[in-house]
Amino acid sequence: MSKGGALDLASGVGGKIEKQQVLSAVDKYEKYHGCYGGDEEGRKANYTDMVNKYYDLVTSFYEFGWGESFHFANRWKGESLRESIKRHEHFLALQLGLQRGQKVLDVGCGIGGPLREIARFSSTSVTGLNNNEYQISRGTELNRTAGVDKTCNFVKADFMKMPFPDNTFDAVYAIEATCHAPDALGCYKEIYRVLKPGQSFAAYEWCMTDSYDPNNSEHKKIKEDIEIGDGLPDIRLTKQCLEALNLAGFDIIWERDLAKDSPVPWYLPLDTNHFSLSSFRLTSVGRFLTTNMVISSFTLHPC
């Protein structure tokens, strides 16, 4: 990334939150979570505010440290993080059987990294649904830069109440996004409604496996850390997600825990004991440089 590009990202830290309000927003976000006095009921009742605060605060850091696609991927030996991310997205497109010219919906699209990759890979037209104003403005800019702004677009809306007529899309996908929904069934019902009859929905979802024990303090701590670290109101069990899909009207053709077959842990880039350019940004030195880059940009671009 160029110096100019890095400074552009740094100037976006906080998203649509005024710079002088960023620390206050962090405090308000933290209070939604258990270790700061919050609870699941409060997170679900206020999921729009919680998730928007989260993504306003983290989007620029995600893009700098991770890239334009804000998701994990199972990895093969010898495969880079970026290669695994692209393969993960291509696999989803292939599972959907996308055809040239089809109209596709990306539910919870972030800044559109997967949207652009899948649109180019499959020669489809992809609409990104997102409820965060800053991510849409950033994604629109990246669409223009990538030259896909004529075939790809963004719509600002809540995926619990989509502003599309019934039977609008030839295919729908979601990548680690519907986990932000306060109610899986309600979200899946909306997806089912806007999908044309007989067409497919594919998703990568954050789930707890059957091994999760809510009475195990270590299990509970890991779950809570993921919730606060990813802006989630809750993390559902896999079987709860599958049941909700069935109740929404879907027939489940294929489901799999991809982590089981991955020779390289999906979380490896977060392990600062394994050096890479991406993981370096997550080390104390990397965080220091990022922080100082941000401070410098605030000096160069005052409010």
C-alpha atoms as a PDB file:
ATOM      1  CA  MET A   1       0.000   0.000   0.000  1.00  0.00           C
ATOM      2  CA  SER A   2       1.304   3.469  -0.884  1.00  0.00           C
ATOM      3  CA  LYS A   3       1.948   6.135   1.733  1.00  0.00           C
ATOM      4  CA  GLY A   4      -0.954   8.131   0.307  1.00  0.00           C
ATOM      5  CA  GLY A   5      -3.240   5.102   0.498  1.00  0.00           C
ATOM      6  CA  ALA A   6      -2.243   4.440   4.089  1.00  0.00           C
ATOM      7  CA  LEU A   7      -2.912   8.044   5.045  1.00  0.00           C
ATOM      8  CA  ASP A   8      -6.297   7.921   3.314  1.00  0.00           C
ATOM      9  CA  LEU A   9      -7.200   4.896   5.427  1.00  0.00           C
ATOM     10  CA  ALA A  10      -5.908   6.538   8.582  1.00  0.00           C
ATOM     11  CA  SER A  11      -8.057   9.606   7.930  1.00  0.00           C
ATOM     12  CA  GLY A  12     -11.072   7.275   7.839  1.00  0.00           C
ATOM     13  CA  VAL A  13     -10.515   5.850  11.317  1.00  0.00           C
ATOM     14  CA  GLY A  14     -13.758   6.280  13.221  1.00  0.00           C
ATOM     15  CA  GLY A  15     -15.851   6.147  10.062  1.00  0.00           C
ATOM     16  CA  LYS A  16     -18.713   8.631  10.377  1.00  0.00           C
ATOM     17  CA  ILE A  17     -17.955   9.232  14.061  1.00  0.00           C
ATOM     18  CA  GLU A  18     -16.459  12.672  14.707  1.00  0.00           C
ATOM     19  CA  LYS A  19     -12.790  12.323  15.639  1.00  0.00           C
ATOM     20  CA  GLN A  20     -13.287  13.877  19.063  1.00  0.00           C
ATOM     21  CA  GLN A  21     -16.055  11.327  19.753  1.00  0.00           C
ATOM     22  CA  VAL A  22     -14.069   8.182  18.891  1.00  0.00           C
ATOM     23  CA  LEU A  23     -13.021   7.337  22.460  1.00  0.00           C
ATOM     24  CA  SER A  24     -16.572   7.894  23.665  1.00  0.00           C
ATOM     25  CA  ALA A  25     -17.838   5.565  20.917  1.00  0.00           C
ATOM     26  CA  VAL A  26     -15.359   2.890  22.014  1.00  0.00           C
ATOM     27  CA  ASP A  27     -16.653   3.188  25.569  1.00  0.00           C
ATOM     28  CA  LYS A  28     -20.288   2.917  24.434  1.00  0.00           C
ATOM     29  CA  TYR A  29     -19.504  -0.078  22.235  1.00  0.00           C
ATOM     30  CA  GLU A  30     -17.708  -1.909  25.048  1.00  0.00           C
ATOM     31  CA  LYS A  31     -20.657  -1.411  27.394  1.00  0.00           C
ATOM     32  CA  TYR A  32     -22.794  -3.630  25.170  1.00  0.00           C
ATOM     33  CA  HIS A  33     -20.645  -6.614  26.206  1.00  0.00           C
ATOM     34  CA  GLY A  34     -20.631  -8.763  29.310  1.00  0.00           C
ATOM     35  CA  CYS A  35     -17.190  -7.888  30.627  1.00  0.00           C
ATOM     36  CA  TYR A  36     -18.271  -4.225  30.669  1.00  0.00           C
ATOM     37  CA  GLY A  37     -21.709  -4.783  32.175  1.00  0.00           C
ATOM     38  CA  GLY A  38     -23.743  -5.463  29.023  1.00  0.00           C
ATOM     39  CA  ASP A  39     -25.783  -8.530  28.110  1.00  0.00           C
ATOM     40  CA  GLU A  40     -27.039 -10.474  25.101  1.00  0.00           C
ATOM     41  CA  GLU A  41     -30.541  -9.005  25.342  1.00  0.00           C
ATOM     42  CA  GLY A  42     -29.159  -5.468  25.139  1.00  0.00           C
ATOM     43  CA  ARG A  43     -26.920  -6.326  22.191  1.00  0.00           C
ATOM     44  CA  LYS A  44     -29.816  -7.849  20.259  1.00  0.00           C
ATOM     45  CA  ALA A  45     -32.174  -4.967  21.053  1.00  0.00           C
ATOM     46  CA  ASN A  46     -29.584  -2.410  19.924  1.00  0.00           C
ATOM     47  CA  TYR A  47     -27.777  -4.431  17.266  1.00  0.00           C
ATOM     48  CA  THR A  48     -27.899  -1.650  14.636  1.00  0.00           C
ATOM     49  CA  ASP A  49     -26.150   0.859  16.889  1.00  0.00           C
ATOM     50  CA  MET A  50     -23.692  -1.720  18.240  1.00  0.00           C
ATOM     51  CA  VAL A  51     -22.676  -3.068  14.821  1.00  0.00           C
ATOM     52  CA  ASN A  52     -22.440   0.403  13.262  1.00  0.00           C
ATOM     53  CA  LYS A  53     -20.208   1.638  16.079  1.00  0.00           C
ATOM     54  CA  TYR A  54     -18.049  -1.458  15.690  1.00  0.00           C
ATOM     55  CA  TYR A  55     -17.546  -1.032  11.943  1.00  0.00           C
ATOM     56  CA  ASP A  56     -17.063   2.730  12.130  1.00  0.00           C
ATOM     57  CA  LEU A  57     -14.258   2.058  14.591  1.00  0.00           C
ATOM     58  CA  VAL A  58     -12.534  -0.896  12.908  1.00  0.00           C
ATOM     59  CA  THR A  59     -13.043  -0.611   9.140  1.00  0.00           C
ATOM     60  CA  SER A  60      -9.879   1.347   8.327  1.00  0.00           C
ATOM     61  CA  PHE A  61      -7.785  -0.906  10.560  1.00  0.00           C
ATOM     62  CA  TYR A  62      -9.296  -3.993   8.931  1.00  0.00           C
ATOM     63  CA  GLU A  63      -8.498  -2.714   5.459  1.00  0.00           C
ATOM     64  CA  PHE A  64      -4.940  -1.791   6.422  1.00  0.00           C
ATOM     65  CA  GLY A  65      -4.185  -5.002   8.293  1.00  0.00           C
ATOM     66  CA  TRP A  66      -6.306  -7.524   6.385  1.00  0.00           C
ATOM     67  CA  GLY A  67      -7.239  -6.173   2.963  1.00  0.00           C
ATOM     68  CA  GLU A  68     -10.566  -5.421   1.293  1.00  0.00           C
ATOM     69  CA  SER A  69     -12.205  -8.737   2.263  1.00  0.00           C
ATOM     70  CA  PHE A  70     -13.065  -8.810   5.960  1.00  0.00           C
ATOM     71  CA  HIS A  71     -13.250 -12.549   6.500  1.00  0.00           C
ATOM     72  CA  PHE A  72     -11.187 -15.605   7.364  1.00  0.00           C
ATOM     73  CA  ALA A  73     -10.558 -18.654   5.185  1.00  0.00           C
ATOM     74  CA  ASN A  74      -9.412 -22.226   5.599  1.00  0.00           C
ATOM     75  CA  ARG A  75      -5.810 -22.497   4.370  1.00  0.00           C
ATOM     76  CA  TRP A  76      -3.679 -25.041   2.561  1.00  0.00           C
ATOM     77  CA  LYS A  77       0.062 -25.487   3.078  1.00  0.00           C
ATOM     78  CA  GLY A  78       2.051 -23.081   0.936  1.00  0.00           C
ATOM     79  CA  GLU A  79      -0.983 -20.869   0.392  1.00  0.00           C
ATOM     80  CA  SER A  80      -0.789 -17.197   1.342  1.00  0.00           C
ATOM     81  CA  LEU A  81      -3.537 -15.418   3.264  1.00  0.00           C
ATOM     82  CA  ARG A  82      -4.554 -13.456   0.173  1.00  0.00           C
ATOM     83  CA  GLU A  83      -4.656 -16.585  -1.983  1.00  0.00           C
ATOM     84  CA  SER A  84      -6.818 -18.377   0.578  1.00  0.00           C
ATOM     85  CA  ILE A  85      -9.234 -15.440   0.768  1.00  0.00           C
ATOM     86  CA  LYS A  86      -9.698 -15.401  -3.025  1.00  0.00           C
ATOM     87  CA  ARG A  87     -10.086 -19.178  -3.223  1.00  0.00           C
ATOM     88  CA  HIS A  88     -12.669 -19.034  -0.431  1.00  0.00           C
ATOM     89  CA  GLU A  89     -14.689 -16.480  -2.397  1.00  0.00           C
ATOM     90  CA  HIS A  90     -14.351 -18.368  -5.696  1.00  0.00           C
ATOM     91  CA  PHE A  91     -15.507 -21.579  -3.996  1.00  0.00           C
ATOM     92  CA  LEU A  92     -18.657 -19.841  -2.783  1.00  0.00           C
ATOM     93  CA  ALA A  93     -19.378 -18.550  -6.293  1.00  0.00           C
ATOM     94  CA  LEU A  94     -18.908 -22.043  -7.724  1.00  0.00           C
ATOM     95  CA  GLN A  95     -21.223 -23.550  -5.104  1.00  0.00           C
ATOM     96  CA  LEU A  96     -23.898 -21.086  -6.224  1.00  0.00           C
ATOM     97  CA  GLY A  97     -23.371 -22.026  -9.876  1.00  0.00           C
ATOM     98  CA  LEU A  98     -23.305 -18.373 -10.901  1.00  0.00           C
ATOM     99  CA  GLN A  99     -23.850 -17.591 -14.578  1.00  0.00           C
ATOM    100  CA  ARG A 100     -22.844 -14.559 -16.646  1.00  0.00           C
ATOM    101  CA  GLY A 101     -25.280 -11.669 -16.294  1.00  0.00           C
ATOM    102  CA  GLN A 102     -27.084 -12.941 -13.203  1.00  0.00           C
ATOM    103  CA  LYS A 103     -28.206 -10.528 -10.499  1.00  0.00           C
ATOM    104  CA  VAL A 104     -26.611 -11.430  -7.152  1.00  0.00           C
ATOM    105  CA  LEU A 105     -26.979 -10.068  -3.597  1.00  0.00           C
ATOM    106  CA  ASP A 106     -24.127  -9.884  -1.076  1.00  0.00           C
ATOM    107  CA  VAL A 107     -25.741  -9.664   2.378  1.00  0.00           C
ATOM    108  CA  GLY A 108     -23.560  -7.662   4.771  1.00  0.00           C
ATOM    109  CA  CYS A 109     -20.928  -6.813   2.167  1.00  0.00           C
ATOM    110  CA  GLY A 110     -18.405  -4.730   4.125  1.00  0.00           C
ATOM    111  CA  ILE A 111     -16.409  -2.499   1.764  1.00  0.00           C
ATOM    112  CA  GLY A 112     -17.055  -4.926  -1.074  1.00  0.00           C
ATOM    113  CA  GLY A 113     -13.891  -7.010  -1.384  1.00  0.00           C
ATOM    114  CA  PRO A 114     -15.778 -10.295  -1.985  1.00  0.00           C
ATOM    115  CA  LEU A 115     -18.359  -8.451  -4.087  1.00  0.00           C
ATOM    116  CA  ARG A 116     -15.720  -7.224  -6.553  1.00  0.00           C
ATOM    117  CA  GLU A 117     -13.871 -10.543  -6.637  1.00  0.00           C
ATOM    118  CA  ILE A 118     -17.015 -12.617  -7.209  1.00  0.00           C
ATOM    119  CA  ALA A 119     -18.381 -10.173  -9.816  1.00  0.00           C
ATOM    120  CA  ARG A 120     -15.158 -10.421 -11.848  1.00  0.00           C
ATOM    121  CA  PHE A 121     -14.829 -14.184 -11.345  1.00  0.00           C
ATOM    122  CA  SER A 122     -18.399 -14.958 -12.424  1.00  0.00           C
ATOM    123  CA  SER A 123     -19.232 -12.018 -14.751  1.00  0.00           C
ATOM    124  CA  THR A 124     -22.306 -11.240 -12.654  1.00  0.00           C
ATOM    125  CA  SER A 125     -23.880  -8.045 -11.363  1.00  0.00           C
ATOM    126  CA  VAL A 126     -23.584  -7.880  -7.571  1.00  0.00           C
ATOM    127  CA  THR A 127     -25.468  -5.621  -5.169  1.00  0.00           C
ATOM    128  CA  GLY A 128     -23.935  -5.170  -1.743  1.00  0.00           C
ATOM    129  CA  LEU A 129     -26.332  -4.713   1.183  1.00  0.00           C
ATOM    130  CA  ASN A 130     -24.830  -2.821   4.102  1.00  0.00           C
ATOM    131  CA  ASN A 131     -26.174  -0.664   6.926  1.00  0.00           C
ATOM    132  CA  ASN A 132     -22.932   1.236   7.575  1.00  0.00           C
ATOM    133  CA  GLU A 133     -22.620   4.554   5.765  1.00  0.00           C
ATOM    134  CA  TYR A 134     -18.832   4.774   5.954  1.00  0.00           C
ATOM    135  CA  GLN A 135     -18.294   1.278   4.540  1.00  0.00           C
ATOM    136  CA  ILE A 136     -20.606   2.058   1.620  1.00  0.00           C
ATOM    137  CA  SER A 137     -18.769   5.290   0.802  1.00  0.00           C
ATOM    138  CA  ARG A 138     -15.429   3.479   0.954  1.00  0.00           C
ATOM    139  CA  GLY A 139     -16.756   0.550  -1.090  1.00  0.00           C
ATOM    140  CA  THR A 140     -18.174   2.865  -3.757  1.00  0.00           C
ATOM    141  CA  GLU A 141     -14.756   4.490  -4.116  1.00  0.00           C
ATOM    142  CA  LEU A 142     -13.066   1.083  -4.418  1.00  0.00           C
ATOM    143  CA  ASN A 143     -15.631  -0.044  -7.016  1.00  0.00           C
ATOM    144  CA  ARG A 144     -14.711   2.947  -9.186  1.00  0.00           C
ATOM    145  CA  THR A 145     -11.014   2.241  -8.781  1.00  0.00           C
ATOM    146  CA  ALA A 146     -11.535  -1.426  -9.720  1.00  0.00           C
ATOM    147  CA  GLY A 147     -13.688  -0.504 -12.722  1.00  0.00           C
ATOM    148  CA  VAL A 148     -16.746  -2.475 -11.584  1.00  0.00           C
ATOM    149  CA  ASP A 149     -18.957   0.493 -10.704  1.00  0.00           C
ATOM    150  CA  LYS A 150     -21.185  -0.133 -13.737  1.00  0.00           C
ATOM    151  CA  THR A 151     -22.078  -3.688 -12.673  1.00  0.00           C
ATOM    152  CA  CYS A 152     -21.758  -3.515  -8.871  1.00  0.00           C
ATOM    153  CA  ASN A 153     -23.484  -1.212  -6.419  1.00  0.00           C
ATOM    154  CA  PHE A 154     -24.357  -0.777  -2.752  1.00  0.00           C
ATOM    155  CA  VAL A 155     -27.671  -0.347  -0.957  1.00  0.00           C
ATOM    156  CA  LYS A 156     -27.807   1.009   2.599  1.00  0.00           C
ATOM    157  CA  ALA A 157     -30.329  -1.015   4.559  1.00  0.00           C
ATOM    158  CA  ASP A 158     -30.867  -3.413   7.446  1.00  0.00           C
ATOM    159  CA  PHE A 159     -30.763  -7.054   6.327  1.00  0.00           C
ATOM    160  CA  MET A 160     -33.621  -7.739   8.739  1.00  0.00           C
ATOM    161  CA  LYS A 161     -35.813  -5.423   6.587  1.00  0.00           C
ATOM    162  CA  MET A 162     -34.508  -5.492   3.015  1.00  0.00           C
ATOM    163  CA  PRO A 163     -35.844  -2.815   0.615  1.00  0.00           C
ATOM    164  CA  PHE A 164     -36.188  -5.227  -2.331  1.00  0.00           C
ATOM    165  CA  PRO A 165     -39.318  -6.746  -3.890  1.00  0.00           C
ATOM    166  CA  ASP A 166     -39.935 -10.474  -3.567  1.00  0.00           C
ATOM    167  CA  ASN A 167     -38.066 -12.734  -6.016  1.00  0.00           C
ATOM    168  CA  THR A 168     -35.468 -10.113  -7.006  1.00  0.00           C
ATOM    169  CA  PHE A 169     -32.149 -11.994  -7.089  1.00  0.00           C
ATOM    170  CA  ASP A 170     -30.802 -14.998  -8.999  1.00  0.00           C
ATOM    171  CA  ALA A 171     -28.491 -15.856  -6.087  1.00  0.00           C
ATOM    172  CA  VAL A 172     -27.687 -14.582  -2.597  1.00  0.00           C
ATOM    173  CA  TYR A 173     -24.597 -15.088  -0.461  1.00  0.00           C
ATOM    174  CA  ALA A 174     -23.305 -13.912   2.914  1.00  0.00           C
ATOM    175  CA  ILE A 175     -19.751 -14.146   4.217  1.00  0.00           C
ATOM    176  CA  GLU A 176     -19.429 -13.997   8.014  1.00  0.00           C
ATOM    177  CA  ALA A 177     -22.176 -11.352   8.057  1.00  0.00           C
ATOM    178  CA  THR A 178     -25.527 -12.780   9.129  1.00  0.00           C
ATOM    179  CA  CYS A 179     -23.889 -13.666  12.458  1.00  0.00           C
ATOM    180  CA  HIS A 180     -24.541  -9.983  13.272  1.00  0.00           C
ATOM    181  CA  ALA A 181     -28.303 -10.559  13.015  1.00  0.00           C
ATOM    182  CA  PRO A 182     -30.217 -10.480  16.317  1.00  0.00           C
ATOM    183  CA  ASP A 183     -32.484 -13.237  15.003  1.00  0.00           C
ATOM    184  CA  ALA A 184     -31.206 -15.821  12.506  1.00  0.00           C
ATOM    185  CA  LEU A 185     -34.673 -16.943  11.421  1.00  0.00           C
ATOM    186  CA  GLY A 186     -35.832 -13.397  10.673  1.00  0.00           C
ATOM    187  CA  CYS A 187     -32.710 -12.717   8.636  1.00  0.00           C
ATOM    188  CA  TYR A 188     -32.924 -15.969   6.663  1.00  0.00           C
ATOM    189  CA  LYS A 189     -36.623 -15.336   5.960  1.00  0.00           C
ATOM    190  CA  GLU A 190     -35.732 -12.006   4.355  1.00  0.00           C
ATOM    191  CA  ILE A 191     -33.066 -13.690   2.233  1.00  0.00           C
ATOM    192  CA  TYR A 192     -35.569 -16.350   1.177  1.00  0.00           C
ATOM    193  CA  ARG A 193     -38.104 -13.649   0.277  1.00  0.00           C
ATOM    194  CA  VAL A 194     -35.819 -11.684  -2.083  1.00  0.00           C
ATOM    195  CA  LEU A 195     -34.393 -14.820  -3.737  1.00  0.00           C
ATOM    196  CA  LYS A 196     -36.078 -16.074  -6.902  1.00  0.00           C
ATOM    197  CA  PRO A 197     -37.885 -19.427  -6.492  1.00  0.00           C
ATOM    198  CA  GLY A 198     -35.627 -22.439  -6.887  1.00  0.00           C
ATOM    199  CA  GLN A 199     -32.413 -20.404  -6.631  1.00  0.00           C
ATOM    200  CA  SER A 200     -29.632 -20.759  -4.056  1.00  0.00           C
ATOM    201  CA  PHE A 201     -28.280 -19.018  -0.975  1.00  0.00           C
ATOM    202  CA  ALA A 202     -24.740 -19.812   0.201  1.00  0.00           C
ATOM    203  CA  ALA A 203     -23.012 -18.557   3.329  1.00  0.00           C
ATOM    204  CA  TYR A 204     -19.990 -18.772   5.548  1.00  0.00           C
ATOM    205  CA  GLU A 205     -21.181 -18.363   9.128  1.00  0.00           C
ATOM    206  CA  TRP A 206     -19.632 -17.924  12.565  1.00  0.00           C
ATOM    207  CA  CYS A 207     -20.968 -20.824  14.671  1.00  0.00           C
ATOM    208  CA  MET A 208     -20.238 -22.629  17.902  1.00  0.00           C
ATOM    209  CA  THR A 209     -19.749 -26.367  17.400  1.00  0.00           C
ATOM    210  CA  ASP A 210     -21.490 -29.061  19.438  1.00  0.00           C
ATOM    211  CA  SER A 211     -18.333 -29.227  21.578  1.00  0.00           C
ATOM    212  CA  TYR A 212     -19.163 -25.857  23.115  1.00  0.00           C
ATOM    213  CA  ASP A 213     -20.095 -26.135  26.788  1.00  0.00           C
ATOM    214  CA  PRO A 214     -21.795 -22.999  28.186  1.00  0.00           C
ATOM    215  CA  ASN A 215     -20.884 -24.167  31.690  1.00  0.00           C
ATOM    216  CA  ASN A 216     -17.173 -24.316  30.854  1.00  0.00           C
ATOM    217  CA  SER A 217     -15.620 -20.999  31.915  1.00  0.00           C
ATOM    218  CA  GLU A 218     -12.845 -21.224  29.309  1.00  0.00           C
ATOM    219  CA  HIS A 219     -15.332 -21.924  26.504  1.00  0.00           C
ATOM    220  CA  LYS A 220     -17.519 -19.052  27.689  1.00  0.00           C
ATOM    221  CA  LYS A 221     -14.558 -16.645  27.846  1.00  0.00           C
ATOM    222  CA  ILE A 222     -13.474 -17.501  24.286  1.00  0.00           C
ATOM    223  CA  LYS A 223     -17.024 -16.989  23.017  1.00  0.00           C
ATOM    224  CA  GLU A 224     -17.332 -13.628  24.785  1.00  0.00           C
ATOM    225  CA  ASP A 225     -13.958 -12.483  23.439  1.00  0.00           C
ATOM    226  CA  ILE A 226     -15.051 -13.306  19.879  1.00  0.00           C
ATOM    227  CA  GLU A 227     -18.342 -11.452  20.399  1.00  0.00           C
ATOM    228  CA  ILE A 228     -16.660  -8.250  21.562  1.00  0.00           C
ATOM    229  CA  GLY A 229     -13.861  -8.610  19.006  1.00  0.00           C
ATOM    230  CA  ASP A 230     -16.253  -9.014  16.078  1.00  0.00           C
ATOM    231  CA  GLY A 231     -19.309  -6.972  17.021  1.00  0.00           C
ATOM    232  CA  LEU A 232     -21.603  -9.967  17.517  1.00  0.00           C
ATOM    233  CA  PRO A 233     -24.761  -9.980  19.656  1.00  0.00           C
ATOM    234  CA  ASP A 234     -24.358 -13.749  20.146  1.00  0.00           C
ATOM    235  CA  ILE A 235     -22.756 -16.761  18.446  1.00  0.00           C
ATOM    236  CA  ARG A 236     -25.280 -19.438  17.599  1.00  0.00           C
ATOM    237  CA  LEU A 237     -24.678 -23.177  17.534  1.00  0.00           C
ATOM    238  CA  THR A 238     -24.328 -24.700  14.059  1.00  0.00           C
ATOM    239  CA  LYS A 239     -27.495 -26.728  14.590  1.00  0.00           C
ATOM    240  CA  GLN A 240     -29.415 -23.548  15.481  1.00  0.00           C
ATOM    241  CA  CYS A 241     -28.394 -21.949  12.184  1.00  0.00           C
ATOM    242  CA  LEU A 242     -29.367 -25.055  10.219  1.00  0.00           C
ATOM    243  CA  GLU A 243     -32.724 -25.233  11.979  1.00  0.00           C
ATOM    244  CA  ALA A 244     -33.380 -21.542  11.237  1.00  0.00           C
ATOM    245  CA  LEU A 245     -32.564 -22.084   7.544  1.00  0.00           C
ATOM    246  CA  ASN A 246     -35.043 -24.952   7.369  1.00  0.00           C
ATOM    247  CA  LEU A 247     -37.744 -22.941   9.123  1.00  0.00           C
ATOM    248  CA  ALA A 248     -37.159 -20.057   6.699  1.00  0.00           C
ATOM    249  CA  GLY A 249     -37.996 -22.395   3.822  1.00  0.00           C
ATOM    250  CA  PHE A 250     -34.583 -23.520   2.587  1.00  0.00           C
ATOM    251  CA  ASP A 251     -33.608 -27.095   1.763  1.00  0.00           C
ATOM    252  CA  ILE A 252     -30.020 -27.610   2.942  1.00  0.00           C
ATOM    253  CA  ILE A 253     -28.038 -29.179   0.103  1.00  0.00           C
ATOM    254  CA  TRP A 254     -24.565 -29.072   1.656  1.00  0.00           C
ATOM    255  CA  GLU A 255     -23.024 -27.941   4.946  1.00  0.00           C
ATOM    256  CA  ARG A 256     -19.587 -28.495   6.396  1.00  0.00           C
ATOM    257  CA  ASP A 257     -17.218 -27.340   9.129  1.00  0.00           C
ATOM    258  CA  LEU A 258     -14.346 -26.235   6.877  1.00  0.00           C
ATOM    259  CA  ALA A 259     -11.985 -25.777   9.819  1.00  0.00           C
ATOM    260  CA  LYS A 260     -11.792 -29.554  10.321  1.00  0.00           C
ATOM    261  CA  ASP A 261     -10.106 -30.142   6.964  1.00  0.00           C
ATOM    262  CA  SER A 262      -7.750 -27.165   7.058  1.00  0.00           C
ATOM    263  CA  PRO A 263      -4.054 -28.094   7.507  1.00  0.00           C
ATOM    264  CA  VAL A 264      -3.259 -24.451   8.329  1.00  0.00           C
ATOM    265  CA  PRO A 265      -5.404 -22.916  11.111  1.00  0.00           C
ATOM    266  CA  TRP A 266      -7.749 -20.200   9.851  1.00  0.00           C
ATOM    267  CA  TYR A 267      -6.653 -17.990  12.770  1.00  0.00           C
ATOM    268  CA  LEU A 268      -2.914 -18.209  11.939  1.00  0.00           C
ATOM    269  CA  PRO A 269      -2.690 -14.575  10.711  1.00  0.00           C
ATOM    270  CA  LEU A 270      -3.813 -13.496  14.194  1.00  0.00           C
ATOM    271  CA  ASP A 271      -1.016 -15.502  15.833  1.00  0.00           C
ATOM    272  CA  THR A 272       1.771 -12.966  16.267  1.00  0.00           C
ATOM    273  CA  ASN A 273       4.298 -15.763  16.907  1.00  0.00           C
ATOM    274  CA  HIS A 274       4.192 -16.545  13.157  1.00  0.00           C
ATOM    275  CA  PHE A 275       5.712 -13.626  11.251  1.00  0.00           C
ATOM    276  CA  SER A 276       4.182 -12.354   8.028  1.00  0.00           C
ATOM    277  CA  LEU A 277       3.546  -8.886   6.687  1.00  0.00           C
ATOM    278  CA  SER A 278      -0.114  -9.230   7.626  1.00  0.00           C
ATOM    279  CA  SER A 279       0.526 -10.573  11.124  1.00  0.00           C
ATOM    280  CA  PHE A 280       3.265  -7.950  11.676  1.00  0.00           C
ATOM    281  CA  ARG A 281       0.561  -5.299  11.634  1.00  0.00           C
ATOM    282  CA  LEU A 282      -1.018  -7.098  14.601  1.00  0.00           C
ATOM    283  CA  THR A 283       2.144  -7.131  16.743  1.00  0.00           C
ATOM    284  CA  SER A 284       2.904  -4.492  19.375  1.00  0.00           C
ATOM    285  CA  VAL A 285       5.350  -2.815  16.971  1.00  0.00           C
ATOM    286  CA  GLY A 286       2.848  -2.989  14.135  1.00  0.00           C
ATOM    287  CA  ARG A 287       0.123  -1.541  16.344  1.00  0.00           C
ATOM    288  CA  PHE A 288       2.517   1.221  17.459  1.00  0.00           C
ATOM    289  CA  LEU A 289       3.293   2.157  13.858  1.00  0.00           C
ATOM    290  CA  THR A 290      -0.389   2.079  12.948  1.00  0.00           C
ATOM    291  CA  THR A 291      -1.272   4.266  15.932  1.00  0.00           C
ATOM    292  CA  ASN A 292       1.418   6.793  15.086  1.00  0.00           C
ATOM    293  CA  MET A 293       0.412   6.778  11.427  1.00  0.00           C
ATOM    294  CA  VAL A 294      -3.126   7.601  12.544  1.00  0.00           C
ATOM    295  CA  ILE A 295      -1.943  10.366  14.877  1.00  0.00           C
ATOM    296  CA  SER A 296       0.158  11.836  12.077  1.00  0.00           C
ATOM    297  CA  SER A 297      -2.773  11.824   9.710  1.00  0.00           C
ATOM    298  CA  PHE A 298      -4.944  13.590  12.254  1.00  0.00           C
ATOM    299  CA  THR A 299      -2.273  16.278  12.380  1.00  0.00           C
ATOM    300  CA  LEU A 300      -2.195  16.541   8.597  1.00  0.00           C
ATOM    301  CA  HIS A 301      -5.973  16.386   8.219  1.00  0.00           C
ATOM    302  CA  PRO A 302      -7.495  18.236  11.176  1.00  0.00           C
ATOM    303  CA  CYS A 303     -11.251  18.163  11.736  1.00  0.00           C
END
